[in-house]
Amino acid sequence: MARSTYGFRAHLRGYHRPGWCWLQSRFLIIGVAAAPTPGNHTRIALTGGPRIPTRAAVIPFGTTRELSRAADRLTARFPTRP
């Protein structure tokens, strides 16, 4: 279940595999991937946005701010270790 700051809710279903996760609801898509990098770091990739059921595309409308916040929260929760 995902909830927006505006009160919208989405029931997500998806796939989880080593290194990535793909979730979607009727009108929302979220994708997350992670991979180790040299120097004991982890590279993450996030995508998401509104989903239009008749189209096979992610429309990245208004997602930049939310994806940046999500990346910042991940960085804060799992800081780099020396």
PDB file of N, CA and C in Angstrom:
ATOM      1  N   MET A   1       0.850  -1.170   0.000  1.00  0.00           N
ATOM      2  CA  MET A   1       0.000   0.000   0.000  1.00  0.00           C
ATOM      3  C   MET A   1       0.898   1.236   0.000  1.00  0.00           C
ATOM      4  N   ALA A   2       0.666   2.115  -0.916  1.00  0.00           N
ATOM      5  CA  ALA A   2       1.378   3.397  -0.982  1.00  0.00           C
ATOM      6  C   ALA A   2       0.371   4.511  -0.746  1.00  0.00           C
ATOM      7  N   ARG A   3       0.794   5.529  -0.017  1.00  0.00           N
ATOM      8  CA  ARG A   3      -0.068   6.684   0.254  1.00  0.00           C
ATOM      9  C   ARG A   3       0.682   7.952  -0.115  1.00  0.00           C
ATOM     10  N   SER A   4      -0.008   8.855  -0.773  1.00  0.00           N
ATOM     11  CA  SER A   4       0.614  10.120  -1.145  1.00  0.00           C
ATOM     12  C   SER A   4       0.330  11.171  -0.081  1.00  0.00           C
ATOM     13  N   THR A   5       1.018  12.277  -0.190  1.00  0.00           N
ATOM     14  CA  THR A   5       0.779  13.382   0.735  1.00  0.00           C
ATOM     15  C   THR A   5      -0.575  14.025   0.492  1.00  0.00           C
ATOM     16  N   TYR A   6      -1.189  13.721  -0.631  1.00  0.00           N
ATOM     17  CA  TYR A   6      -2.496  14.280  -0.968  1.00  0.00           C
ATOM     18  C   TYR A   6      -3.645  13.346  -0.588  1.00  0.00           C
ATOM     19  N   GLY A   7      -3.318  12.196   0.015  1.00  0.00           N
ATOM     20  CA  GLY A   7      -4.350  11.276   0.460  1.00  0.00           C
ATOM     21  C   GLY A   7      -4.691  10.158  -0.510  1.00  0.00           C
ATOM     22  N   PHE A   8      -4.037  10.116  -1.674  1.00  0.00           N
ATOM     23  CA  PHE A   8      -4.299   9.042  -2.624  1.00  0.00           C
ATOM     24  C   PHE A   8      -3.638   7.761  -2.129  1.00  0.00           C
ATOM     25  N   ARG A   9      -4.274   6.635  -2.405  1.00  0.00           N
ATOM     26  CA  ARG A   9      -3.732   5.337  -2.017  1.00  0.00           C
ATOM     27  C   ARG A   9      -3.630   4.440  -3.242  1.00  0.00           C
ATOM     28  N   ALA A  10      -2.645   3.549  -3.213  1.00  0.00           N
ATOM     29  CA  ALA A  10      -2.470   2.593  -4.306  1.00  0.00           C
ATOM     30  C   ALA A  10      -2.096   1.233  -3.719  1.00  0.00           C
ATOM     31  N   HIS A  11      -2.767   0.201  -4.151  1.00  0.00           N
ATOM     32  CA  HIS A  11      -2.433  -1.170  -3.779  1.00  0.00           C
ATOM     33  C   HIS A  11      -1.441  -1.691  -4.814  1.00  0.00           C
ATOM     34  N   LEU A  12      -0.220  -1.928  -4.380  1.00  0.00           N
ATOM     35  CA  LEU A  12       0.853  -2.315  -5.295  1.00  0.00           C
ATOM     36  C   LEU A  12       1.046  -3.824  -5.319  1.00  0.00           C
ATOM     37  N   ARG A  13       1.304  -4.331  -6.495  1.00  0.00           N
ATOM     38  CA  ARG A  13       1.697  -5.729  -6.701  1.00  0.00           C
ATOM     39  C   ARG A  13       2.946  -5.704  -7.558  1.00  0.00           C
ATOM     40  N   GLY A  14       3.805  -6.677  -7.382  1.00  0.00           N
ATOM     41  CA  GLY A  14       5.014  -6.609  -8.175  1.00  0.00           C
ATOM     42  C   GLY A  14       5.895  -7.826  -8.071  1.00  0.00           C
ATOM     43  N   TYR A  15       7.115  -7.615  -8.540  1.00  0.00           N
ATOM     44  CA  TYR A  15       8.131  -8.653  -8.601  1.00  0.00           C
ATOM     45  C   TYR A  15       9.337  -8.205  -7.796  1.00  0.00           C
ATOM     46  N   HIS A  16       9.913  -9.144  -7.056  1.00  0.00           N
ATOM     47  CA  HIS A  16      11.125  -8.880  -6.301  1.00  0.00           C
ATOM     48  C   HIS A  16      12.151  -9.938  -6.687  1.00  0.00           C
ATOM     49  N   ARG A  17      13.256  -9.494  -7.181  1.00  0.00           N
ATOM     50  CA  ARG A  17      14.355 -10.384  -7.554  1.00  0.00           C
ATOM     51  C   ARG A  17      15.632  -9.835  -6.925  1.00  0.00           C
ATOM     52  N   PRO A  18      16.676 -10.638  -6.826  1.00  0.00           N
ATOM     53  CA  PRO A  18      17.926 -10.108  -6.277  1.00  0.00           C
ATOM     54  C   PRO A  18      18.403  -8.883  -7.061  1.00  0.00           C
ATOM     55  N   GLY A  19      18.501  -7.768  -6.375  1.00  0.00           N
ATOM     56  CA  GLY A  19      19.001  -6.543  -7.001  1.00  0.00           C
ATOM     57  C   GLY A  19      17.949  -5.604  -7.543  1.00  0.00           C
ATOM     58  N   TRP A  20      16.704  -6.029  -7.671  1.00  0.00           N
ATOM     59  CA  TRP A  20      15.693  -5.112  -8.201  1.00  0.00           C
ATOM     60  C   TRP A  20      14.287  -5.478  -7.745  1.00  0.00           C
ATOM     61  N   CYS A  21      13.409  -4.502  -7.867  1.00  0.00           N
ATOM     62  CA  CYS A  21      12.010  -4.667  -7.480  1.00  0.00           C
ATOM     63  C   CYS A  21      11.160  -3.804  -8.412  1.00  0.00           C
ATOM     64  N   TRP A  22      10.076  -4.348  -8.905  1.00  0.00           N
ATOM     65  CA  TRP A  22       9.156  -3.649  -9.805  1.00  0.00           C
ATOM     66  C   TRP A  22       7.754  -3.748  -9.219  1.00  0.00           C
ATOM     67  N   LEU A  23       7.128  -2.621  -8.931  1.00  0.00           N
ATOM     68  CA  LEU A  23       5.795  -2.589  -8.345  1.00  0.00           C
ATOM     69  C   LEU A  23       4.870  -1.771  -9.223  1.00  0.00           C
ATOM     70  N   GLN A  24       3.619  -2.191  -9.298  1.00  0.00           N
ATOM     71  CA  GLN A  24       2.657  -1.390 -10.044  1.00  0.00           C
ATOM     72  C   GLN A  24       1.261  -1.566  -9.475  1.00  0.00           C
ATOM     73  N   SER A  25       0.501  -0.518  -9.610  1.00  0.00           N
ATOM     74  CA  SER A  25      -0.919  -0.542  -9.280  1.00  0.00           C
ATOM     75  C   SER A  25      -1.650  -0.153 -10.558  1.00  0.00           C
ATOM     76  N   ARG A  26      -2.893   0.134 -10.432  1.00  0.00           N
ATOM     77  CA  ARG A  26      -3.661   0.502 -11.619  1.00  0.00           C
ATOM     78  C   ARG A  26      -3.124   1.777 -12.274  1.00  0.00           C
ATOM     79  N   PHE A  27      -2.693   2.746 -11.458  1.00  0.00           N
ATOM     80  CA  PHE A  27      -2.248   4.025 -12.009  1.00  0.00           C
ATOM     81  C   PHE A  27      -0.857   4.462 -11.546  1.00  0.00           C
ATOM     82  N   LEU A  28      -0.045   3.549 -11.004  1.00  0.00           N
ATOM     83  CA  LEU A  28       1.270   3.918 -10.478  1.00  0.00           C
ATOM     84  C   LEU A  28       2.276   2.809 -10.769  1.00  0.00           C
ATOM     85  N   ILE A  29       3.505   3.205 -11.121  1.00  0.00           N
ATOM     86  CA  ILE A  29       4.609   2.262 -11.345  1.00  0.00           C
ATOM     87  C   ILE A  29       5.804   2.739 -10.530  1.00  0.00           C
ATOM     88  N   ILE A  30       6.482   1.792  -9.869  1.00  0.00           N
ATOM     89  CA  ILE A  30       7.695   2.094  -9.116  1.00  0.00           C
ATOM     90  C   ILE A  30       8.720   1.012  -9.421  1.00  0.00           C
ATOM     91  N   GLY A  31       9.940   1.423  -9.729  1.00  0.00           N
ATOM     92  CA  GLY A  31      11.034   0.485  -9.954  1.00  0.00           C
ATOM     93  C   GLY A  31      12.248   0.894  -9.144  1.00  0.00           C
ATOM     94  N   VAL A  32      12.894  -0.076  -8.495  1.00  0.00           N
ATOM     95  CA  VAL A  32      14.083   0.175  -7.688  1.00  0.00           C
ATOM     96  C   VAL A  32      15.099  -0.912  -8.014  1.00  0.00           C
ATOM     97  N   ALA A  33      16.350  -0.511  -8.191  1.00  0.00           N
ATOM     98  CA  ALA A  33      17.435  -1.472  -8.418  1.00  0.00           C
ATOM     99  C   ALA A  33      18.635  -1.053  -7.581  1.00  0.00           C
ATOM    100  N   ALA A  34      19.436  -2.020  -7.160  1.00  0.00           N
ATOM    101  CA  ALA A  34      20.635  -1.749  -6.384  1.00  0.00           C
ATOM    102  C   ALA A  34      21.741  -2.690  -6.829  1.00  0.00           C
ATOM    103  N   ALA A  35      22.969  -2.159  -6.862  1.00  0.00           N
ATOM    104  CA  ALA A  35      24.121  -2.965  -7.262  1.00  0.00           C
ATOM    105  C   ALA A  35      25.352  -2.489  -6.502  1.00  0.00           C
ATOM    106  N   PRO A  36      26.213  -3.425  -6.070  1.00  0.00           N
ATOM    107  CA  PRO A  36      27.434  -3.007  -5.374  1.00  0.00           C
ATOM    108  C   PRO A  36      28.412  -2.346  -6.339  1.00  0.00           C
ATOM    109  N   THR A  37      29.188  -1.412  -5.816  1.00  0.00           N
ATOM    110  CA  THR A  37      30.244  -0.761  -6.590  1.00  0.00           C
ATOM    111  C   THR A  37      31.549  -0.913  -5.820  1.00  0.00           C
ATOM    112  N   PRO A  38      32.673  -0.696  -6.481  1.00  0.00           N
ATOM    113  CA  PRO A  38      33.953  -0.792  -5.775  1.00  0.00           C
ATOM    114  C   PRO A  38      34.012   0.196  -4.604  1.00  0.00           C
ATOM    115  N   GLY A  39      34.682  -0.193  -3.558  1.00  0.00           N
ATOM    116  CA  GLY A  39      34.835   0.701  -2.417  1.00  0.00           C
ATOM    117  C   GLY A  39      33.722   0.569  -1.396  1.00  0.00           C
ATOM    118  N   ASN A  40      33.039  -0.574  -1.360  1.00  0.00           N
ATOM    119  CA  ASN A  40      31.993  -0.831  -0.368  1.00  0.00           C
ATOM    120  C   ASN A  40      30.848   0.178  -0.458  1.00  0.00           C
ATOM    121  N   HIS A  41      30.434   0.526  -1.654  1.00  0.00           N
ATOM    122  CA  HIS A  41      29.314   1.422  -1.879  1.00  0.00           C
ATOM    123  C   HIS A  41      28.213   0.666  -2.618  1.00  0.00           C
ATOM    124  N   THR A  42      27.051   1.251  -2.665  1.00  0.00           N
ATOM    125  CA  THR A  42      25.938   0.672  -3.402  1.00  0.00           C
ATOM    126  C   THR A  42      25.346   1.735  -4.313  1.00  0.00           C
ATOM    127  N   ARG A  43      25.163   1.385  -5.560  1.00  0.00           N
ATOM    128  CA  ARG A  43      24.525   2.283  -6.521  1.00  0.00           C
ATOM    129  C   ARG A  43      23.055   1.911  -6.594  1.00  0.00           C
ATOM    130  N   ILE A  44      22.183   2.924  -6.504  1.00  0.00           N
ATOM    131  CA  ILE A  44      20.751   2.669  -6.599  1.00  0.00           C
ATOM    132  C   ILE A  44      20.183   3.399  -7.799  1.00  0.00           C
ATOM    133  N   ALA A  45      19.111   2.843  -8.331  1.00  0.00           N
ATOM    134  CA  ALA A  45      18.370   3.479  -9.419  1.00  0.00           C
ATOM    135  C   ALA A  45      16.895   3.434  -9.052  1.00  0.00           C
ATOM    136  N   LEU A  46      16.225   4.551  -9.211  1.00  0.00           N
ATOM    137  CA  LEU A  46      14.805   4.649  -8.904  1.00  0.00           C
ATOM    138  C   LEU A  46      14.072   5.200 -10.114  1.00  0.00           C
ATOM    139  N   THR A  47      12.907   4.687 -10.375  1.00  0.00           N
ATOM    140  CA  THR A  47      12.046   5.255 -11.404  1.00  0.00           C
ATOM    141  C   THR A  47      10.611   5.072 -10.944  1.00  0.00           C
ATOM    142  N   GLY A  48       9.762   5.807 -11.543  1.00  0.00           N
ATOM    143  CA  GLY A  48       8.360   5.675 -11.189  1.00  0.00           C
ATOM    144  C   GLY A  48       7.545   6.798 -11.778  1.00  0.00           C
ATOM    145  N   GLY A  49       6.269   6.672 -11.619  1.00  0.00           N
ATOM    146  CA  GLY A  49       5.381   7.701 -12.109  1.00  0.00           C
ATOM    147  C   GLY A  49       3.993   7.169 -12.347  1.00  0.00           C
ATOM    148  N   PRO A  50       3.145   8.041 -12.837  1.00  0.00           N
ATOM    149  CA  PRO A  50       1.786   7.607 -13.159  1.00  0.00           C
ATOM    150  C   PRO A  50       1.795   6.588 -14.286  1.00  0.00           C
ATOM    151  N   ARG A  51       0.893   5.655 -14.223  1.00  0.00           N
ATOM    152  CA  ARG A  51       0.777   4.627 -15.260  1.00  0.00           C
ATOM    153  C   ARG A  51      -0.551   4.827 -15.972  1.00  0.00           C
ATOM    154  N   ILE A  52      -0.491   4.836 -17.266  1.00  0.00           N
ATOM    155  CA  ILE A  52      -1.701   4.940 -18.063  1.00  0.00           C
ATOM    156  C   ILE A  52      -2.003   3.546 -18.582  1.00  0.00           C
ATOM    157  N   PRO A  53      -3.110   2.923 -18.149  1.00  0.00           N
ATOM    158  CA  PRO A  53      -3.374   1.518 -18.486  1.00  0.00           C
ATOM    159  C   PRO A  53      -3.383   1.205 -19.979  1.00  0.00           C
ATOM    160  N   THR A  54      -3.702   2.147 -20.824  1.00  0.00           N
ATOM    161  CA  THR A  54      -3.749   1.870 -22.259  1.00  0.00           C
ATOM    162  C   THR A  54      -2.406   2.067 -22.946  1.00  0.00           C
ATOM    163  N   ARG A  55      -1.407   2.525 -22.213  1.00  0.00           N
ATOM    164  CA  ARG A  55      -0.088   2.780 -22.791  1.00  0.00           C
ATOM    165  C   ARG A  55       0.975   1.957 -22.076  1.00  0.00           C
ATOM    166  N   ALA A  56       1.968   1.534 -22.794  1.00  0.00           N
ATOM    167  CA  ALA A  56       3.071   0.771 -22.208  1.00  0.00           C
ATOM    168  C   ALA A  56       4.246   1.701 -21.925  1.00  0.00           C
ATOM    169  N   ALA A  57       4.005   2.770 -21.179  1.00  0.00           N
ATOM    170  CA  ALA A  57       5.063   3.733 -20.904  1.00  0.00           C
ATOM    171  C   ALA A  57       4.880   4.325 -19.512  1.00  0.00           C
ATOM    172  N   VAL A  58       5.998   4.725 -18.924  1.00  0.00           N
ATOM    173  CA  VAL A  58       5.975   5.466 -17.668  1.00  0.00           C
ATOM    174  C   VAL A  58       6.001   6.941 -18.042  1.00  0.00           C
ATOM    175  N   ILE A  59       5.085   7.695 -17.515  1.00  0.00           N
ATOM    176  CA  ILE A  59       5.045   9.131 -17.760  1.00  0.00           C
ATOM    177  C   ILE A  59       5.699   9.805 -16.553  1.00  0.00           C
ATOM    178  N   PRO A  60       6.915  10.351 -16.690  1.00  0.00           N
ATOM    179  CA  PRO A  60       7.633  10.877 -15.519  1.00  0.00           C
ATOM    180  C   PRO A  60       7.153  12.268 -15.098  1.00  0.00           C
ATOM    181  N   PHE A  61       5.856  12.453 -15.027  1.00  0.00           N
ATOM    182  CA  PHE A  61       5.280  13.745 -14.665  1.00  0.00           C
ATOM    183  C   PHE A  61       5.322  13.928 -13.145  1.00  0.00           C
ATOM    184  N   GLY A  62       6.037  14.950 -12.680  1.00  0.00           N
ATOM    185  CA  GLY A  62       6.080  15.255 -11.260  1.00  0.00           C
ATOM    186  C   GLY A  62       6.815  14.251 -10.401  1.00  0.00           C
ATOM    187  N   THR A  63       7.731  13.503 -10.962  1.00  0.00           N
ATOM    188  CA  THR A  63       8.401  12.463 -10.184  1.00  0.00           C
ATOM    189  C   THR A  63       9.793  12.852  -9.706  1.00  0.00           C
ATOM    190  N   THR A  64      10.406  13.847 -10.300  1.00  0.00           N
ATOM    191  CA  THR A  64      11.785  14.189  -9.969  1.00  0.00           C
ATOM    192  C   THR A  64      11.951  14.501  -8.485  1.00  0.00           C
ATOM    193  N   ARG A  65      11.088  15.318  -7.927  1.00  0.00           N
ATOM    194  CA  ARG A  65      11.195  15.699  -6.521  1.00  0.00           C
ATOM    195  C   ARG A  65      11.005  14.491  -5.605  1.00  0.00           C
ATOM    196  N   GLU A  66       9.998  13.671  -5.878  1.00  0.00           N
ATOM    197  CA  GLU A  66       9.728  12.513  -5.019  1.00  0.00           C
ATOM    198  C   GLU A  66      10.841  11.478  -5.114  1.00  0.00           C
ATOM    199  N   LEU A  67      11.370  11.237  -6.311  1.00  0.00           N
ATOM    200  CA  LEU A  67      12.458  10.267  -6.451  1.00  0.00           C
ATOM    201  C   LEU A  67      13.726  10.772  -5.778  1.00  0.00           C
ATOM    202  N   SER A  68      13.982  12.074  -5.840  1.00  0.00           N
ATOM    203  CA  SER A  68      15.144  12.651  -5.148  1.00  0.00           C
ATOM    204  C   SER A  68      14.988  12.508  -3.640  1.00  0.00           C
ATOM    205  N   ARG A  69      13.795  12.746  -3.129  1.00  0.00           N
ATOM    206  CA  ARG A  69      13.548  12.577  -1.691  1.00  0.00           C
ATOM    207  C   ARG A  69      13.753  11.125  -1.269  1.00  0.00           C
ATOM    208  N   ALA A  70      13.278  10.190  -2.068  1.00  0.00           N
ATOM    209  CA  ALA A  70      13.449   8.772  -1.743  1.00  0.00           C
ATOM    210  C   ALA A  70      14.930   8.403  -1.710  1.00  0.00           C
ATOM    211  N   ALA A  71      15.701   8.890  -2.670  1.00  0.00           N
ATOM    212  CA  ALA A  71      17.135   8.612  -2.697  1.00  0.00           C
ATOM    213  C   ALA A  71      17.822   9.230  -1.484  1.00  0.00           C
ATOM    214  N   ASP A  72      17.425  10.436  -1.093  1.00  0.00           N
ATOM    215  CA  ASP A  72      17.994  11.081   0.088  1.00  0.00           C
ATOM    216  C   ASP A  72      17.665  10.296   1.358  1.00  0.00           C
ATOM    217  N   ARG A  73      16.439   9.776   1.456  1.00  0.00           N
ATOM    218  CA  ARG A  73      16.068   8.979   2.627  1.00  0.00           C
ATOM    219  C   ARG A  73      16.871   7.685   2.693  1.00  0.00           C
ATOM    220  N   LEU A  74      17.101   7.050   1.548  1.00  0.00           N
ATOM    221  CA  LEU A  74      17.929   5.840   1.529  1.00  0.00           C
ATOM    222  C   LEU A  74      19.354   6.148   1.959  1.00  0.00           C
ATOM    223  N   THR A  75      19.899   7.244   1.468  1.00  0.00           N
ATOM    224  CA  THR A  75      21.263   7.641   1.823  1.00  0.00           C
ATOM    225  C   THR A  75      21.376   7.937   3.313  1.00  0.00           C
ATOM    226  N   ALA A  76      20.364   8.604   3.874  1.00  0.00           N
ATOM    227  CA  ALA A  76      20.382   8.921   5.304  1.00  0.00           C
ATOM    228  C   ALA A  76      20.255   7.668   6.154  1.00  0.00           C
ATOM    229  N   ARG A  77      19.462   6.736   5.699  1.00  0.00           N
ATOM    230  CA  ARG A  77      19.229   5.519   6.483  1.00  0.00           C
ATOM    231  C   ARG A  77      20.425   4.562   6.424  1.00  0.00           C
ATOM    232  N   PHE A  78      21.091   4.521   5.283  1.00  0.00           N
ATOM    233  CA  PHE A  78      22.222   3.622   5.089  1.00  0.00           C
ATOM    234  C   PHE A  78      23.451   4.439   4.676  1.00  0.00           C
ATOM    235  N   PRO A  79      24.070   5.150   5.608  1.00  0.00           N
ATOM    236  CA  PRO A  79      25.222   5.996   5.255  1.00  0.00           C
ATOM    237  C   PRO A  79      26.428   5.168   4.812  1.00  0.00           C
ATOM    238  N   THR A  80      27.317   5.814   4.085  1.00  0.00           N
ATOM    239  CA  THR A  80      28.535   5.170   3.612  1.00  0.00           C
ATOM    240  C   THR A  80      29.443   4.863   4.802  1.00  0.00           C
ATOM    241  N   ARG A  81      29.964   3.659   4.806  1.00  0.00           N
ATOM    242  CA  ARG A  81      30.893   3.261   5.876  1.00  0.00           C
ATOM    243  C   ARG A  81      32.311   3.294   5.364  1.00  0.00           C
ATOM    244  N   PRO A  82      33.230   3.799   6.189  1.00  0.00           N
ATOM    245  CA  PRO A  82      34.649   3.856   5.741  1.00  0.00           C
ATOM    246  C   PRO A  82      35.286   2.497   5.647  1.00  0.00           C
TER     247      PRO A  82
END
